[in-house]
PDB file of N, CA and C in Angstrom:
ATOM      1  N   MET A   1       0.827  -0.881  -0.116  1.00  0.00           N
ATOM      2  CA  MET A   1       0.113  -0.187  -0.193  1.00  0.00           C
ATOM      3  C   MET A   1       0.586   1.180   0.133  1.00  0.00           C
ATOM      4  N   SER A   2       1.154   2.110  -0.560  1.00  0.00           N
ATOM      5  CA  SER A   2       1.410   3.601  -1.157  1.00  0.00           C
ATOM      6  C   SER A   2       0.627   4.509  -0.445  1.00  0.00           C
ATOM      7  N   PHE A   3       1.374   5.486   0.133  1.00  0.00           N
ATOM      8  CA  PHE A   3       0.508   6.636   0.713  1.00  0.00           C
ATOM      9  C   PHE A   3       1.289   7.988   0.277  1.00  0.00           C
ATOM     10  N   ARG A   4       1.018   8.790   0.445  1.00  0.00           N
ATOM     11  CA  ARG A   4       1.168  10.393   0.246  1.00  0.00           C
ATOM     12  C   ARG A   4       1.595  11.038   1.469  1.00  0.00           C
ATOM     13  N   VAL A   5       2.810  11.770   1.517  1.00  0.00           N
ATOM     14  CA  VAL A   5       3.296  12.255   3.082  1.00  0.00           C
ATOM     15  C   VAL A   5       3.589  14.020   2.473  1.00  0.00           C
ATOM     16  N   CYS A   6       3.004  14.648   3.229  1.00  0.00           N
ATOM     17  CA  CYS A   6       2.944  16.242   3.404  1.00  0.00           C
ATOM     18  C   CYS A   6       4.949  16.695   3.329  1.00  0.00           C
ATOM     19  N   ILE A   7       4.860  17.651   2.584  1.00  0.00           N
ATOM     20  CA  ILE A   7       6.409  17.784   2.729  1.00  0.00           C
ATOM     21  C   ILE A   7       6.764  19.195   3.486  1.00  0.00           C
ATOM     22  N   ASN A   8       5.936  19.544   4.486  1.00  0.00           N
ATOM     23  CA  ASN A   8       5.996  20.350   5.177  1.00  0.00           C
ATOM     24  C   ASN A   8       5.885  19.896   6.817  1.00  0.00           C
ATOM     25  N   CYS A   9       4.948  18.826   7.145  1.00  0.00           N
ATOM     26  CA  CYS A   9       4.963  18.492   8.364  1.00  0.00           C
ATOM     27  C   CYS A   9       4.984  17.067   8.417  1.00  0.00           C
ATOM     28  N   HIS A  10       5.128  16.479   7.303  1.00  0.00           N
ATOM     29  CA  HIS A  10       5.367  14.776   7.207  1.00  0.00           C
ATOM     30  C   HIS A  10       4.220  14.086   7.597  1.00  0.00           C
ATOM     31  N   GLY A  11       3.140  14.903   7.436  1.00  0.00           N
ATOM     32  CA  GLY A  11       1.799  14.162   7.804  1.00  0.00           C
ATOM     33  C   GLY A  11       1.485  13.115   6.987  1.00  0.00           C
ATOM     34  N   ILE A  12       0.190  12.226   7.232  1.00  0.00           N
ATOM     35  CA  ILE A  12      -0.008  11.193   5.919  1.00  0.00           C
ATOM     36  C   ILE A  12      -1.333  11.282   5.777  1.00  0.00           C
ATOM     37  N   ARG A  13      -1.990  12.663   6.397  1.00  0.00           N
ATOM     38  CA  ARG A  13      -3.330  13.027   5.783  1.00  0.00           C
ATOM     39  C   ARG A  13      -3.351  13.866   4.737  1.00  0.00           C
ATOM     40  N   VAL A  14      -2.620  13.652   3.445  1.00  0.00           N
ATOM     41  CA  VAL A  14      -2.720  14.342   2.300  1.00  0.00           C
ATOM     42  C   VAL A  14      -3.832  14.077   1.316  1.00  0.00           C
ATOM     43  N   TYR A  15      -4.596  14.566   0.891  1.00  0.00           N
ATOM     44  CA  TYR A  15      -5.819  14.186  -0.295  1.00  0.00           C
ATOM     45  C   TYR A  15      -5.681  15.325  -1.645  1.00  0.00           C
ATOM     46  N   PRO A  16      -6.383  15.205  -2.384  1.00  0.00           N
ATOM     47  CA  PRO A  16      -6.465  15.712  -3.388  1.00  0.00           C
ATOM     48  C   PRO A  16      -7.155  17.140  -3.299  1.00  0.00           C
ATOM     49  N   TYR A  17      -6.532  18.061  -3.886  1.00  0.00           N
ATOM     50  CA  TYR A  17      -7.342  19.486  -3.723  1.00  0.00           C
ATOM     51  C   TYR A  17      -7.603  19.875  -5.263  1.00  0.00           C
ATOM     52  N   MET A  18      -8.446  21.039  -5.379  1.00  0.00           N
ATOM     53  CA  MET A  18      -9.045  21.280  -6.541  1.00  0.00           C
ATOM     54  C   MET A  18      -7.940  21.743  -7.394  1.00  0.00           C
ATOM     55  N   GLY A  19      -8.476  21.989  -8.575  1.00  0.00           N
ATOM     56  CA  GLY A  19      -7.246  22.029  -9.862  1.00  0.00           C
ATOM     57  C   GLY A  19      -6.885  20.788 -10.367  1.00  0.00           C
ATOM     58  N   PHE A  20      -7.687  19.404 -10.497  1.00  0.00           N
ATOM     59  CA  PHE A  20      -7.242  18.449 -10.853  1.00  0.00           C
ATOM     60  C   PHE A  20      -7.338  18.633 -12.223  1.00  0.00           C
ATOM     61  N   MET A  21      -7.979  19.398 -13.002  1.00  0.00           N
ATOM     62  CA  MET A  21      -7.947  19.517 -14.543  1.00  0.00           C
ATOM     63  C   MET A  21      -7.042  20.255 -15.369  1.00  0.00           C
ATOM     64  N   VAL A  22      -6.328  21.257 -14.491  1.00  0.00           N
ATOM     65  CA  VAL A  22      -5.149  21.901 -14.713  1.00  0.00           C
ATOM     66  C   VAL A  22      -3.783  21.407 -14.298  1.00  0.00           C
ATOM     67  N   GLY A  23      -3.975  20.502 -13.205  1.00  0.00           N
ATOM     68  CA  GLY A  23      -2.722  19.974 -12.622  1.00  0.00           C
ATOM     69  C   GLY A  23      -3.003  19.596 -11.517  1.00  0.00           C
ATOM     70  N   GLN A  24      -2.425  18.101 -11.142  1.00  0.00           N
ATOM     71  CA  GLN A  24      -2.975  17.717 -10.008  1.00  0.00           C
ATOM     72  C   GLN A  24      -2.061  18.767  -8.709  1.00  0.00           C
ATOM     73  N   ARG A  25      -2.981  19.114  -7.612  1.00  0.00           N
ATOM     74  CA  ARG A  25      -2.447  19.816  -6.361  1.00  0.00           C
ATOM     75  C   ARG A  25      -3.194  18.707  -5.306  1.00  0.00           C
ATOM     76  N   TYR A  26      -2.106  18.764  -4.148  1.00  0.00           N
ATOM     77  CA  TYR A  26      -2.603  18.031  -3.074  1.00  0.00           C
ATOM     78  C   TYR A  26      -2.588  19.031  -1.719  1.00  0.00           C
ATOM     79  N   GLN A  27      -3.410  18.717  -0.760  1.00  0.00           N
ATOM     80  CA  GLN A  27      -3.411  19.614   0.403  1.00  0.00           C
ATOM     81  C   GLN A  27      -3.469  18.641   1.945  1.00  0.00           C
ATOM     82  N   CYS A  28      -2.387  19.314   2.755  1.00  0.00           N
ATOM     83  CA  CYS A  28      -2.583  18.556   3.839  1.00  0.00           C
ATOM     84  C   CYS A  28      -3.167  18.811   4.956  1.00  0.00           C
ATOM     85  N   GLN A  29      -4.338  17.941   5.543  1.00  0.00           N
ATOM     86  CA  GLN A  29      -5.438  18.202   6.329  1.00  0.00           C
ATOM     87  C   GLN A  29      -4.726  18.295   7.861  1.00  0.00           C
ATOM     88  N   ASP A  30      -3.220  18.500   8.011  1.00  0.00           N
ATOM     89  CA  ASP A  30      -2.988  18.650   9.311  1.00  0.00           C
ATOM     90  C   ASP A  30      -2.500  20.072   9.412  1.00  0.00           C
ATOM     91  N   CYS A  31      -2.092  20.330   8.055  1.00  0.00           N
ATOM     92  CA  CYS A  31      -0.956  22.053   8.231  1.00  0.00           C
ATOM     93  C   CYS A  31      -1.804  22.808   7.028  1.00  0.00           C
ATOM     94  N   ASP A  32      -2.498  22.310   6.246  1.00  0.00           N
ATOM     95  CA  ASP A  32      -3.049  22.988   5.381  1.00  0.00           C
ATOM     96  C   ASP A  32      -2.570  23.404   4.217  1.00  0.00           C
ATOM     97  N   GLU A  33      -0.810  22.634   4.448  1.00  0.00           N
ATOM     98  CA  GLU A  33       0.423  22.961   2.872  1.00  0.00           C
ATOM     99  C   GLU A  33      -0.446  22.565   1.647  1.00  0.00           C
ATOM    100  N   ILE A  34      -0.231  23.214   0.873  1.00  0.00           N
ATOM    101  CA  ILE A  34      -1.366  22.748  -0.611  1.00  0.00           C
ATOM    102  C   ILE A  34       0.228  22.530  -1.211  1.00  0.00           C
ATOM    103  N   MET A  35       0.361  21.495  -2.143  1.00  0.00           N
ATOM    104  CA  MET A  35       1.625  20.992  -3.130  1.00  0.00           C
ATOM    105  C   MET A  35       1.315  20.121  -4.263  1.00  0.00           C
ATOM    106  N   VAL A  36       2.159  20.119  -4.928  1.00  0.00           N
ATOM    107  CA  VAL A  36       2.302  19.675  -6.485  1.00  0.00           C
ATOM    108  C   VAL A  36       2.798  18.205  -6.206  1.00  0.00           C
ATOM    109  N   ILE A  37       3.790  18.087  -5.701  1.00  0.00           N
ATOM    110  CA  ILE A  37       4.645  16.689  -5.351  1.00  0.00           C
ATOM    111  C   ILE A  37       4.809  16.574  -4.122  1.00  0.00           C
ATOM    112  N   PRO A  38       3.814  15.551  -3.504  1.00  0.00           N
ATOM    113  CA  PRO A  38       3.883  15.070  -2.179  1.00  0.00           C
ATOM    114  C   PRO A  38       5.224  14.043  -2.018  1.00  0.00           C
ATOM    115  N   ILE A  39       5.754  13.737  -0.774  1.00  0.00           N
ATOM    116  CA  ILE A  39       6.716  12.747  -0.669  1.00  0.00           C
ATOM    117  C   ILE A  39       5.770  11.273  -0.971  1.00  0.00           C
ATOM    118  N   GLU A  40       6.132  10.671  -1.615  1.00  0.00           N
ATOM    119  CA  GLU A  40       5.326   9.326  -1.619  1.00  0.00           C
ATOM    120  C   GLU A  40       6.345   7.672  -1.241  1.00  0.00           C
ATOM    121  N   PHE A  41       5.619   6.784  -0.280  1.00  0.00           N
ATOM    122  CA  PHE A  41       6.385   5.743  -0.016  1.00  0.00           C
ATOM    123  C   PHE A  41       5.441   4.494  -0.504  1.00  0.00           C
ATOM    124  N   ASP A  42       5.815   3.322  -0.615  1.00  0.00           N
ATOM    125  CA  ASP A  42       5.699   2.267  -0.619  1.00  0.00           C
ATOM    126  C   ASP A  42       4.939   1.440   0.339  1.00  0.00           C
ATOM    127  N   ASP A  43       5.640   1.639   1.741  1.00  0.00           N
ATOM    128  CA  ASP A  43       5.017   0.842   3.048  1.00  0.00           C
ATOM    129  C   ASP A  43       5.517   1.707   3.949  1.00  0.00           C
ATOM    130  N   GLN A  44       4.916   1.114   5.042  1.00  0.00           N
ATOM    131  CA  GLN A  44       5.220   1.928   6.569  1.00  0.00           C
ATOM    132  C   GLN A  44       6.595   1.974   6.938  1.00  0.00           C
ATOM    133  N   ALA A  45       7.219   0.694   6.343  1.00  0.00           N
ATOM    134  CA  ALA A  45       8.804   0.787   6.966  1.00  0.00           C
ATOM    135  C   ALA A  45       9.840   2.050   6.599  1.00  0.00           C
ATOM    136  N   GLY A  46       9.586   1.981   5.092  1.00  0.00           N
ATOM    137  CA  GLY A  46      10.294   3.289   4.628  1.00  0.00           C
ATOM    138  C   GLY A  46       9.585   4.779   5.138  1.00  0.00           C
ATOM    139  N   TYR A  47       8.429   4.809   5.230  1.00  0.00           N
ATOM    140  CA  TYR A  47       7.884   6.157   6.041  1.00  0.00           C
ATOM    141  C   TYR A  47       8.696   6.241   7.512  1.00  0.00           C
ATOM    142  N   GLU A  48       8.651   5.392   8.295  1.00  0.00           N
ATOM    143  CA  GLU A  48       8.829   5.149   9.206  1.00  0.00           C
ATOM    144  C   GLU A  48      10.590   5.775   9.350  1.00  0.00           C
ATOM    145  N   ALA A  49      11.300   4.957   8.456  1.00  0.00           N
ATOM    146  CA  ALA A  49      12.577   5.593   8.597  1.00  0.00           C
ATOM    147  C   ALA A  49      13.090   6.498   8.227  1.00  0.00           C
ATOM    148  N   PHE A  50      12.268   7.019   7.172  1.00  0.00           N
ATOM    149  CA  PHE A  50      12.271   8.760   6.622  1.00  0.00           C
ATOM    150  C   PHE A  50      12.003   9.482   7.786  1.00  0.00           C
ATOM    151  N   ARG A  51      11.440   9.018   8.750  1.00  0.00           N
ATOM    152  CA  ARG A  51      11.004   9.956  10.127  1.00  0.00           C
ATOM    153  C   ARG A  51      11.826  10.072  11.266  1.00  0.00           C
ATOM    154  N   ARG A  52      12.480   8.760  11.406  1.00  0.00           N
ATOM    155  CA  ARG A  52      13.517   8.711  12.277  1.00  0.00           C
ATOM    156  C   ARG A  52      14.681   9.524  11.716  1.00  0.00           C
ATOM    157  N   GLU A  53      15.042   9.726  10.402  1.00  0.00           N
ATOM    158  CA  GLU A  53      15.878  10.308  10.041  1.00  0.00           C
ATOM    159  C   GLU A  53      16.164  11.850  10.244  1.00  0.00           C
ATOM    160  N   MET A  54      14.416  12.357   9.979  1.00  0.00           N
ATOM    161  CA  MET A  54      14.284  13.746  10.070  1.00  0.00           C
ATOM    162  C   MET A  54      14.241  14.139  11.358  1.00  0.00           C
ATOM    163  N   GLY A  55      14.309  12.837  12.452  1.00  0.00           N
ATOM    164  CA  GLY A  55      14.049  13.436  13.688  1.00  0.00           C
ATOM    165  C   GLY A  55      12.573  13.649  14.000  1.00  0.00           C
ATOM    166  N   THR A  56      11.672  13.220  13.277  1.00  0.00           N
ATOM    167  CA  THR A  56      10.149  13.707  13.752  1.00  0.00           C
ATOM    168  C   THR A  56       9.654  12.335  14.474  1.00  0.00           C
ATOM    169  N   LEU A  57      10.268  11.194  14.641  1.00  0.00           N
ATOM    170  CA  LEU A  57       9.628   9.790  15.122  1.00  0.00           C
ATOM    171  C   LEU A  57       9.896   9.699  16.291  1.00  0.00           C
ATOM    172  N   GLU A  58       9.252   9.530  17.056  1.00  0.00           N
ATOM    173  CA  GLU A  58       9.169   9.553  18.774  1.00  0.00           C
ATOM    174  C   GLU A  58       9.545   8.017  18.887  1.00  0.00           C
ATOM    175  N   GLU A  59      10.534   7.806  19.687  1.00  0.00           N
ATOM    176  CA  GLU A  59      11.011   6.300  19.906  1.00  0.00           C
ATOM    177  C   GLU A  59      10.585   6.139  21.177  1.00  0.00           C
ATOM    178  N   GLU A  60       9.206   4.415  21.149  1.00  0.00           N
ATOM    179  CA  GLU A  60       8.925   4.311  22.285  1.00  0.00           C
ATOM    180  C   GLU A  60       9.676   4.023  23.238  1.00  0.00           C
TER     181      GLU A  60
END
Protein backbone atom coordinates (compact mmCIF):
# COMPACT_ATOMS: atom_id res chain seq x y z
CA MET A 1 0.00 0.00 0.00
CA SER A 2 1.55 3.32 -1.03
CA PHE A 3 0.64 6.64 0.51
CA ARG A 4 1.46 10.34 0.25
CA VAL A 5 3.18 12.42 2.91
CA CYS A 6 3.18 16.20 3.43
CA ILE A 7 6.41 17.96 2.48
CA ASN A 8 5.96 20.43 5.35
CA CYS A 9 4.85 18.52 8.46
CA HIS A 10 5.39 14.91 7.23
CA GLY A 11 1.78 14.02 8.11
CA ILE A 12 -0.02 11.29 6.17
CA ARG A 13 -3.38 13.05 5.80
CA VAL A 14 -2.71 14.32 2.25
CA TYR A 15 -5.70 14.49 -0.12
CA PRO A 16 -6.36 15.74 -3.65
CA TYR A 17 -7.02 19.48 -3.81
CA MET A 18 -9.09 21.33 -6.42
CA GLY A 19 -7.49 22.03 -9.76
CA PHE A 20 -7.07 18.49 -11.02
CA MET A 21 -8.02 19.48 -14.58
CA VAL A 22 -5.10 21.91 -14.89
CA GLY A 23 -2.65 19.93 -12.80
CA GLN A 24 -2.60 17.78 -9.73
CA ARG A 25 -2.42 19.47 -6.36
CA TYR A 26 -2.62 17.99 -2.89
CA GLN A 27 -3.46 19.50 0.50
CA CYS A 28 -2.35 18.35 3.93
CA GLN A 29 -5.25 18.17 6.37
CA ASP A 30 -2.88 18.67 9.33
CA CYS A 31 -1.04 21.87 8.34
CA ASP A 32 -3.07 23.07 5.29
CA GLU A 33 0.04 23.02 3.05
CA ILE A 34 -0.88 22.87 -0.67
CA MET A 35 1.70 21.02 -2.74
CA VAL A 36 2.24 19.79 -6.28
CA ILE A 37 4.50 16.87 -5.44
CA PRO A 38 4.04 15.20 -2.05
CA ILE A 39 6.50 12.63 -0.74
CA GLU A 40 5.35 9.07 -1.55
CA PHE A 41 6.21 5.84 0.25
CA ASP A 42 5.47 2.25 -0.74
CA ASP A 43 5.23 0.94 2.81
CA GLN A 44 5.09 1.88 6.48
CA ALA A 45 8.70 0.79 7.12
CA GLY A 46 10.06 3.28 4.57
CA TYR A 47 7.96 6.08 6.06
CA GLU A 48 9.15 5.29 9.61
CA ALA A 49 12.79 5.20 8.47
CA PHE A 50 12.33 8.61 6.82
CA ARG A 51 10.80 10.07 10.00
CA ARG A 52 13.65 8.66 12.10
CA GLU A 53 16.19 10.34 9.77
CA MET A 54 14.25 13.63 9.94
CA GLY A 55 14.04 13.40 13.75
CA THR A 56 10.24 13.54 13.80
CA LEU A 57 9.50 9.99 14.97
CA GLU A 58 9.23 9.56 18.72
CA GLU A 59 10.82 6.33 19.91
CA GLU A 60 8.76 4.20 22.28
